[in-house]
């Protein structure tokens, strides 16, 4: 059952933010919403998480610049002018319509890339002396901080401040965390998704819908944000319609309930407009109708096959001994992701988080191509980290700091090695 946020008393608000055995999580369909803290107070509350996040990202960039210098490569070029970053810059500079025809007949069209990041790159270049690539890097840096704050806001709201700090640091030290500093759309999308989910959790339906709309203009997986908003809103409508007194009579309508329902409905209307608008525009632009975007993705040999191609990719690793070790690692990685999601279900995370995480995970693991990119495609699924954040939040500060510090160093080194490789992340 969903509850409309009520103005909490200071005592109940503080109690809801602490980790207490047996009271951290309610039933999976229950959302104990409460009013968000004032903006100034929210920033102060998030300050330790943001400071830790900035330190981890600075360490990752330092490792990348040192590693790249040793290999006579330009670290800034790796961050802003390779792989997908180049495609976004081409969209910002030339608009849509650019494509590359490969020798095997595949057509790589820039229509596969959603427009919000290129629009922001163009905006930065228009109001400053920065290039489009510089604009992408600046947007990514700002968005990564906004994403970290959003991750903290969600985790803090549901589990408390300490778990929120741990969740942000875990997201920062992901092995592919360096992507958060690249001129890619992952940081921008995660920021929009996290704050949309937070708006849902706090009953701010119009804000949630507007942010979901923006997320839908950023990546195809914006559908997961739309689904989370819709599921939460429908559950709230059901709760409103089924509220009853103990004797079976319906409860009297609360003051302001019609306005709340109107805002909820408006949020639902706004949420899908970004994804639907771009997909329909691509269909019109290509002359292929509503399925035009799927044909564009097919030109990249990308689609949704339920994980069949990825399963074959993993199975092929066991044809020789050295690659079999990589196959074992892939299986353990997928099993870990499934276990973390299952743990979130068992811990009864709020329904919109489970819906969002499930769809992001399914779309990442069941895509039919770009198997090496799956770790970064999973990066927006930050609620997967909440069970680990809860576990760290319950340990001694020194122990959790030591664990996060060691993983942060390993992540920085791996990120530098990864981006200096030949393949795209």
Protein backbone atom coordinates (compact mmCIF):
# COMPACT_ATOMS: atom_id res chain seq x y z
CA UNK A 1 0.00 0.00 0.00
CA UNK A 2 1.20 3.49 -0.83
CA UNK A 3 0.88 6.44 1.45
CA UNK A 4 0.79 10.08 0.51
CA UNK A 5 3.65 11.90 2.26
CA UNK A 6 2.61 13.65 5.47
CA UNK A 7 4.49 16.42 7.22
CA UNK A 8 6.52 14.49 9.80
CA UNK A 9 7.28 15.61 13.29
CA UNK A 10 10.91 16.12 14.04
CA UNK A 11 11.06 13.04 16.25
CA UNK A 12 9.48 10.67 13.75
CA UNK A 13 11.57 12.03 10.90
CA UNK A 14 14.81 11.47 12.76
CA UNK A 15 13.75 8.01 13.83
CA UNK A 16 12.88 7.04 10.26
CA UNK A 17 16.38 7.98 9.13
CA UNK A 18 18.23 5.70 11.55
CA UNK A 19 19.09 2.06 11.03
CA UNK A 20 17.09 0.05 13.53
CA UNK A 21 16.96 -3.76 13.55
CA UNK A 22 13.62 -5.00 12.33
CA UNK A 23 12.40 -1.57 11.21
CA UNK A 24 14.52 -0.75 8.19
CA UNK A 25 12.25 -2.19 5.54
CA UNK A 26 8.51 -2.64 5.26
CA UNK A 27 6.58 -4.91 2.93
CA UNK A 28 7.62 -4.68 -0.70
CA UNK A 29 4.45 -2.79 -1.68
CA UNK A 30 4.60 -0.43 1.28
CA UNK A 31 6.28 2.94 1.02
CA UNK A 32 6.68 4.89 4.22
CA UNK A 33 7.06 8.26 2.55
CA UNK A 34 8.04 11.35 4.45
CA UNK A 35 8.69 14.94 3.49
CA UNK A 36 12.10 15.68 2.03
CA UNK A 37 14.41 17.84 4.14
CA UNK A 38 14.93 21.50 3.14
CA UNK A 39 17.44 21.96 0.33
CA UNK A 40 20.15 23.49 2.51
CA UNK A 41 19.71 20.74 5.08
CA UNK A 42 19.69 18.09 2.35
CA UNK A 43 23.01 19.31 0.97
CA UNK A 44 24.60 19.31 4.43
CA UNK A 45 23.25 15.83 5.02
CA UNK A 46 24.71 14.60 1.73
CA UNK A 47 28.07 16.41 2.14
CA UNK A 48 30.06 13.41 3.47
CA UNK A 49 28.83 11.22 0.63
CA UNK A 50 29.62 13.86 -2.01
CA UNK A 51 33.06 14.54 -0.55
CA UNK A 52 33.86 10.84 -0.56
CA UNK A 53 32.56 10.49 -4.08
CA UNK A 54 34.68 13.41 -5.32
CA UNK A 55 37.76 11.87 -3.68
CA UNK A 56 37.19 8.53 -5.40
CA UNK A 57 36.68 10.15 -8.78
CA UNK A 58 39.80 12.30 -8.32
CA UNK A 59 41.78 9.15 -7.52
CA UNK A 60 40.45 7.46 -10.64
CA UNK A 61 41.36 10.41 -12.85
CA UNK A 62 44.83 10.65 -11.31
CA UNK A 63 45.45 6.96 -11.99
CA UNK A 64 44.22 7.36 -15.56
CA UNK A 65 46.44 10.37 -16.27
CA UNK A 66 49.52 8.66 -14.80
CA UNK A 67 48.88 5.39 -16.63
CA UNK A 68 48.18 7.16 -19.91
CA UNK A 69 51.32 9.30 -19.60
CA UNK A 70 53.39 6.16 -19.07
CA UNK A 71 51.93 4.71 -22.28
CA UNK A 72 52.33 8.00 -24.18
CA UNK A 73 48.57 8.44 -24.53
CA UNK A 74 46.35 11.44 -23.89
CA UNK A 75 44.05 10.71 -20.95
CA UNK A 76 41.72 13.59 -21.81
CA UNK A 77 41.24 12.18 -25.30
CA UNK A 78 40.32 8.82 -23.79
CA UNK A 79 37.65 10.56 -21.71
CA UNK A 80 36.19 12.82 -24.37
CA UNK A 81 37.03 11.72 -27.91
CA UNK A 82 36.77 7.97 -28.30
CA UNK A 83 33.99 5.46 -28.89
CA UNK A 84 30.50 6.69 -27.96
CA UNK A 85 31.82 10.12 -26.96
CA UNK A 86 32.70 10.76 -30.61
CA UNK A 87 29.19 9.85 -31.72
CA UNK A 88 27.65 12.26 -29.24
CA UNK A 89 29.96 15.04 -30.44
CA UNK A 90 28.99 14.36 -34.06
CA UNK A 91 25.32 14.67 -33.14
CA UNK A 92 26.01 17.96 -31.35
CA UNK A 93 28.04 19.30 -34.26
CA UNK A 94 26.26 17.93 -37.34
CA UNK A 95 22.85 16.87 -36.10
CA UNK A 96 21.28 13.55 -36.98
CA UNK A 97 21.75 11.73 -40.26
CA UNK A 98 25.43 10.72 -40.00
CA UNK A 99 26.09 7.03 -40.55
CA UNK A 100 28.94 4.65 -41.27
CA UNK A 101 28.51 1.71 -43.63
CA UNK A 102 30.76 -1.20 -42.75
CA UNK A 103 32.24 -3.75 -45.13
CA UNK A 104 29.90 -6.48 -43.83
CA UNK A 105 26.84 -4.40 -44.71
CA UNK A 106 26.06 -3.12 -41.23
CA UNK A 107 24.98 0.51 -40.96
CA UNK A 108 25.98 2.42 -37.84
CA UNK A 109 23.69 5.45 -37.62
CA UNK A 110 23.95 8.21 -35.04
CA UNK A 111 20.18 7.95 -34.66
CA UNK A 112 20.94 5.19 -32.14
CA UNK A 113 22.11 7.87 -29.69
CA UNK A 114 19.45 9.76 -27.75
CA UNK A 115 19.60 13.56 -27.94
CA UNK A 116 19.78 15.05 -24.43
CA UNK A 117 23.55 14.81 -23.96
CA UNK A 118 24.32 16.28 -27.44
CA UNK A 119 21.84 19.09 -26.76
CA UNK A 120 23.65 19.92 -23.53
CA UNK A 121 27.03 19.74 -25.29
CA UNK A 122 25.75 22.19 -27.88
CA UNK A 123 24.40 24.47 -25.15
CA UNK A 124 27.74 24.54 -23.31
CA UNK A 125 29.59 25.30 -26.55
CA UNK A 126 27.11 28.09 -27.36
CA UNK A 127 27.54 29.94 -24.06
CA UNK A 128 31.28 29.33 -23.52
CA UNK A 129 34.53 28.95 -25.44
CA UNK A 130 34.50 25.20 -24.78
CA UNK A 131 34.27 22.66 -27.59
CA UNK A 132 31.52 20.09 -27.88
CA UNK A 133 33.84 17.45 -26.43
CA UNK A 134 34.75 19.77 -23.55
CA UNK A 135 31.06 20.37 -22.98
CA UNK A 136 30.42 16.64 -22.80
CA UNK A 137 33.15 16.24 -20.19
CA UNK A 138 31.80 19.15 -18.14
CA UNK A 139 28.25 17.83 -18.31
CA UNK A 140 29.48 14.40 -17.25
CA UNK A 141 31.37 15.77 -14.26
CA UNK A 142 28.39 17.81 -13.06
CA UNK A 143 25.96 15.00 -13.74
CA UNK A 144 28.10 12.49 -11.86
CA UNK A 145 27.92 14.65 -8.74
CA UNK A 146 24.17 15.05 -9.21
CA UNK A 147 23.89 11.28 -9.65
CA UNK A 148 25.89 10.65 -6.47
CA UNK A 149 23.59 13.02 -4.59
CA UNK A 150 20.54 11.28 -6.06
CA UNK A 151 21.84 7.84 -5.06
CA UNK A 152 22.42 9.18 -1.56
CA UNK A 153 18.95 10.76 -1.42
CA UNK A 154 17.24 7.49 -2.35
CA UNK A 155 19.29 5.31 0.01
CA UNK A 156 19.08 7.83 2.86
CA UNK A 157 15.32 8.18 2.45
CA UNK A 158 14.74 4.43 2.59
CA UNK A 159 17.54 3.16 4.87
CA UNK A 160 19.18 6.11 6.61
CA UNK A 161 22.16 8.42 6.21
CA UNK A 162 24.94 5.93 6.90
CA UNK A 163 23.60 3.49 4.32
CA UNK A 164 23.27 6.43 1.90
CA UNK A 165 26.94 7.32 2.25
CA UNK A 166 27.95 3.68 1.75
CA UNK A 167 25.72 3.38 -1.34
CA UNK A 168 27.35 6.41 -2.96
CA UNK A 169 30.86 5.18 -2.25
CA UNK A 170 30.03 1.72 -3.58
CA UNK A 171 28.69 3.28 -6.77
CA UNK A 172 31.87 5.35 -7.04
CA UNK A 173 34.23 2.37 -6.67
CA UNK A 174 32.56 0.16 -9.25
CA UNK A 175 35.21 -1.42 -11.50
CA UNK A 176 33.80 0.62 -14.40
CA UNK A 177 33.43 3.76 -12.30
CA UNK A 178 35.76 5.70 -14.59
CA UNK A 179 32.86 5.86 -17.09
CA UNK A 180 31.21 8.29 -14.67
CA UNK A 181 33.89 10.82 -15.68
CA UNK A 182 33.67 10.18 -19.44
CA UNK A 183 31.68 12.19 -21.96
CA UNK A 184 29.13 9.37 -21.98
CA UNK A 185 25.47 9.49 -21.00
CA UNK A 186 25.61 7.06 -18.04
CA UNK A 187 26.16 9.74 -15.39
CA UNK A 188 23.49 12.02 -16.83
CA UNK A 189 20.99 9.19 -17.05
CA UNK A 190 21.73 7.92 -13.53
CA UNK A 191 21.26 11.42 -12.12
CA UNK A 192 17.87 11.83 -13.79
CA UNK A 193 16.78 8.32 -12.85
CA UNK A 194 17.86 8.59 -9.21
CA UNK A 195 16.14 11.93 -8.67
CA UNK A 196 13.00 10.72 -10.45
CA UNK A 197 12.88 7.72 -8.11
CA UNK A 198 13.43 10.00 -5.14
CA UNK A 199 10.57 12.20 -6.31
CA UNK A 200 8.35 9.11 -6.49
CA UNK A 201 9.39 8.06 -3.00
CA UNK A 202 8.51 11.50 -1.65
CA UNK A 203 5.24 11.82 -3.58
CA UNK A 204 6.38 14.58 -5.98
CA UNK A 205 4.64 13.18 -9.01
CA UNK A 206 5.06 16.03 -11.50
CA UNK A 207 8.77 16.26 -10.74
CA UNK A 208 9.08 12.49 -11.08
CA UNK A 209 7.35 12.56 -14.45
CA UNK A 210 9.43 15.47 -15.76
CA UNK A 211 12.67 13.77 -14.74
CA UNK A 212 11.50 10.49 -16.28
CA UNK A 213 10.77 12.41 -19.49
CA UNK A 214 14.34 13.74 -19.47
CA UNK A 215 15.78 10.29 -18.71
CA UNK A 216 13.83 9.01 -21.70
CA UNK A 217 15.65 11.54 -23.88
CA UNK A 218 19.00 10.29 -22.60
CA UNK A 219 19.09 6.51 -23.09
CA UNK A 220 16.71 3.79 -24.33
CA UNK A 221 16.68 2.34 -20.81
CA UNK A 222 14.71 5.40 -19.80
CA UNK A 223 11.76 3.04 -20.18
CA UNK A 224 12.76 1.62 -16.78
CA UNK A 225 12.23 5.02 -15.13
CA UNK A 226 8.87 5.40 -16.88
CA UNK A 227 7.82 1.96 -15.64
CA UNK A 228 8.81 2.81 -12.06
CA UNK A 229 6.76 6.02 -12.12
CA UNK A 230 3.74 4.28 -13.63
CA UNK A 231 3.81 1.31 -11.28
CA UNK A 232 4.11 3.58 -8.25
CA UNK A 233 1.31 5.85 -9.48
CA UNK A 234 -1.04 2.97 -10.30
CA UNK A 235 -0.38 1.44 -6.88
CA UNK A 236 -1.22 4.79 -5.30
CA UNK A 237 -4.45 5.08 -7.28
CA UNK A 238 -5.38 1.55 -6.18
CA UNK A 239 -4.63 2.44 -2.58
CA UNK A 240 -6.79 5.57 -2.83
CA UNK A 241 -9.67 3.62 -4.33
CA UNK A 242 -9.47 0.79 -1.84
CA UNK A 243 -8.95 2.69 1.40
CA UNK A 244 -11.57 1.54 3.85
CA UNK A 245 -12.54 1.90 7.47
CA UNK A 246 -12.48 -1.16 9.76
CA UNK A 247 -16.23 -1.64 9.27
CA UNK A 248 -15.77 -1.81 5.52
CA UNK A 249 -16.94 1.74 4.74
CA UNK A 250 -14.68 3.81 2.57
CA UNK A 251 -12.64 6.40 4.39
CA UNK A 252 -13.52 10.04 3.95
CA UNK A 253 -11.40 11.77 1.29
CA UNK A 254 -8.45 13.69 2.66
CA UNK A 255 -8.09 17.42 2.12
CA UNK A 256 -6.15 18.05 -1.08
CA UNK A 257 -6.61 14.46 -2.34
CA UNK A 258 -8.10 15.54 -5.73
CA UNK A 259 -5.12 17.84 -6.31
CA UNK A 260 -2.74 15.02 -5.37
CA UNK A 261 -4.44 12.65 -7.80
CA UNK A 262 -4.27 15.29 -10.53
CA UNK A 263 -0.53 15.76 -9.99
CA UNK A 264 -0.03 12.01 -9.99
CA UNK A 265 -1.92 11.68 -13.27
CA UNK A 266 0.09 14.54 -14.79
CA UNK A 267 3.32 12.83 -13.74
CA UNK A 268 2.16 9.66 -15.48
CA UNK A 269 1.41 11.63 -18.65
CA UNK A 270 4.80 13.34 -18.66
CA UNK A 271 6.94 10.27 -17.91
CA UNK A 272 6.85 8.46 -21.29
CA UNK A 273 7.00 11.54 -23.52
CA UNK A 274 10.79 11.60 -23.83
CA UNK A 275 11.29 8.01 -24.97
CA UNK A 276 8.13 7.90 -27.05
CA UNK A 277 8.82 11.27 -28.64
CA UNK A 278 12.32 10.39 -29.79
CA UNK A 279 11.43 6.90 -30.99
CA UNK A 280 8.50 8.23 -33.00
CA UNK A 281 10.66 11.02 -34.42
CA UNK A 282 13.26 8.47 -35.56
CA UNK A 283 10.51 6.46 -37.23
CA UNK A 284 9.28 9.57 -39.03
CA UNK A 285 12.80 10.68 -39.93
CA UNK A 286 13.70 7.31 -41.43
CA UNK A 287 10.30 6.74 -43.00
CA UNK A 288 10.05 3.35 -41.30
CA UNK A 289 7.27 4.09 -38.86
CA UNK A 290 7.13 3.29 -35.15
CA UNK A 291 9.64 0.42 -35.49
CA UNK A 292 12.25 2.60 -37.18
CA UNK A 293 14.37 2.90 -34.05
CA UNK A 294 14.56 -0.89 -33.73
CA UNK A 295 15.86 -1.06 -37.30
CA UNK A 296 18.50 1.54 -36.42
CA UNK A 297 19.60 -0.62 -33.49
CA UNK A 298 19.61 -3.68 -35.72
CA UNK A 299 22.17 -1.90 -37.90
CA UNK A 300 24.44 -1.97 -34.85
CA UNK A 301 23.58 -5.67 -34.39
CA UNK A 302 21.94 -4.74 -31.13
CA UNK A 303 18.57 -5.96 -29.91
CA UNK A 304 16.79 -7.88 -27.16
CA UNK A 305 16.98 -11.67 -27.42
CA UNK A 306 16.38 -12.71 -23.83
CA UNK A 307 20.08 -13.28 -23.19
CA UNK A 308 20.59 -15.98 -25.83
CA UNK A 309 23.53 -14.29 -27.56
CA UNK A 310 25.16 -13.42 -24.25
CA UNK A 311 24.76 -17.02 -23.10
CA UNK A 312 26.50 -18.23 -26.26
CA UNK A 313 29.24 -15.66 -25.74
CA UNK A 314 29.85 -17.00 -22.24
CA UNK A 315 29.70 -20.62 -23.39
CA UNK A 316 32.29 -19.95 -26.11
CA UNK A 317 34.73 -18.90 -23.40
CA UNK A 318 34.96 -22.52 -22.27
CA UNK A 319 36.42 -23.76 -25.55
CA UNK A 320 39.99 -23.19 -24.30
CA UNK A 321 41.61 -23.01 -20.91
CA UNK A 322 42.75 -19.37 -20.66
CA UNK A 323 39.42 -18.02 -21.84
CA UNK A 324 37.58 -20.45 -19.54
CA UNK A 325 38.74 -18.36 -16.59
CA UNK A 326 37.00 -15.36 -18.15
CA UNK A 327 33.90 -17.50 -18.62
CA UNK A 328 33.90 -18.41 -14.93
CA UNK A 329 34.28 -14.72 -14.07
CA UNK A 330 31.31 -13.81 -16.27
CA UNK A 331 29.12 -16.46 -14.68
CA UNK A 332 30.10 -15.31 -11.20
CA UNK A 333 29.39 -11.71 -12.21
CA UNK A 334 25.92 -12.49 -13.53
CA UNK A 335 25.18 -14.67 -10.50
CA UNK A 336 26.21 -11.79 -8.23
CA UNK A 337 23.87 -9.41 -10.01
CA UNK A 338 20.98 -11.87 -9.75
CA UNK A 339 21.78 -12.52 -6.07
CA UNK A 340 21.86 -8.80 -5.27
CA UNK A 341 18.51 -8.27 -6.95
CA UNK A 342 17.03 -11.25 -5.15
CA UNK A 343 18.37 -9.89 -1.87
CA UNK A 344 16.68 -6.58 -2.58
CA UNK A 345 13.40 -8.42 -3.14
CA UNK A 346 13.83 -10.40 0.08
CA UNK A 347 14.65 -7.21 1.98
CA UNK A 348 11.46 -5.71 0.51
CA UNK A 349 12.86 -2.65 -1.17
CA UNK A 350 10.22 -0.13 -2.29
CA UNK A 351 8.37 -1.29 -5.36
CA UNK A 352 9.55 1.46 -7.76
CA UNK A 353 13.19 0.60 -6.99
CA UNK A 354 12.59 -3.07 -7.73
CA UNK A 355 10.77 -2.31 -10.98
CA UNK A 356 13.46 0.11 -12.15
CA UNK A 357 16.37 -2.16 -11.19
CA UNK A 358 14.77 -5.24 -12.70
CA UNK A 359 14.23 -3.57 -16.07
CA UNK A 360 17.69 -1.97 -16.23
CA UNK A 361 19.28 -5.32 -15.37
CA UNK A 362 17.17 -7.26 -17.86
CA UNK A 363 17.85 -4.81 -20.69
CA UNK A 364 21.59 -4.86 -19.96
CA UNK A 365 22.02 -8.62 -19.66
CA UNK A 366 19.62 -9.59 -22.45
CA UNK A 367 20.97 -7.27 -25.15
CA UNK A 368 22.29 -9.24 -28.10
CA UNK A 369 25.56 -7.37 -28.64
CA UNK A 370 28.38 -5.36 -27.05
CA UNK A 371 29.09 -7.93 -24.36
CA UNK A 372 32.14 -6.08 -23.08
CA UNK A 373 29.94 -3.04 -22.37
CA UNK A 374 27.50 -4.84 -20.07
CA UNK A 375 29.24 -3.73 -16.84
CA UNK A 376 28.74 -0.06 -17.72
CA UNK A 377 25.19 -0.73 -18.94
CA UNK A 378 24.47 -2.06 -15.45
CA UNK A 379 25.93 1.02 -13.75
CA UNK A 380 22.59 2.92 -13.60
CA UNK A 381 21.10 -0.01 -11.64
CA UNK A 382 22.41 1.50 -8.40
CA UNK A 383 19.71 -0.07 -6.17
CA UNK A 384 21.57 -3.36 -6.67
CA UNK A 385 24.18 -1.91 -4.31
CA UNK A 386 21.75 -1.23 -1.47
CA UNK A 387 22.11 -4.68 0.20
CA UNK A 388 25.89 -4.19 0.27
CA UNK A 389 25.45 -0.63 1.54
CA UNK A 390 23.27 -1.90 4.38
CA UNK A 391 25.87 -4.49 5.30
CA UNK A 392 28.66 -1.89 5.31
CA UNK A 393 26.51 0.53 7.29
CA UNK A 394 26.28 -2.01 10.08
CA UNK A 395 30.05 -2.57 10.33
CA UNK A 396 32.59 -0.48 12.22
CA UNK A 397 33.54 2.74 10.44
CA UNK A 398 37.22 1.85 10.23
CA UNK A 399 36.49 -1.54 8.73
CA UNK A 400 34.06 -0.20 6.13
CA UNK A 401 36.49 2.63 5.28
CA UNK A 402 39.32 0.13 4.81
CA UNK A 403 37.20 -2.03 2.52
CA UNK A 404 36.01 0.91 0.43
CA UNK A 405 39.51 2.39 0.27
CA UNK A 406 41.05 -0.85 -0.98
CA UNK A 407 38.31 -1.34 -3.56
CA UNK A 408 38.64 2.31 -4.61
CA UNK A 409 42.36 1.90 -5.34
CA UNK A 410 41.70 -1.30 -7.29
CA UNK A 411 38.92 0.43 -9.23
CA UNK A 412 41.17 3.37 -10.11
CA UNK A 413 43.91 1.07 -11.40
CA UNK A 414 41.49 -1.10 -13.33
CA UNK A 415 39.78 1.93 -14.88
CA UNK A 416 43.13 3.28 -16.09
CA UNK A 417 44.03 -0.11 -17.55
CA UNK A 418 40.59 -0.52 -19.14
CA UNK A 419 40.48 2.84 -20.91
CA UNK A 420 44.01 2.36 -22.23
CA UNK A 421 42.92 -0.84 -23.91
CA UNK A 422 41.85 -1.24 -27.51
CA UNK A 423 38.15 -1.91 -27.12
CA UNK A 424 35.34 0.40 -26.07
CA UNK A 425 34.11 0.23 -22.47
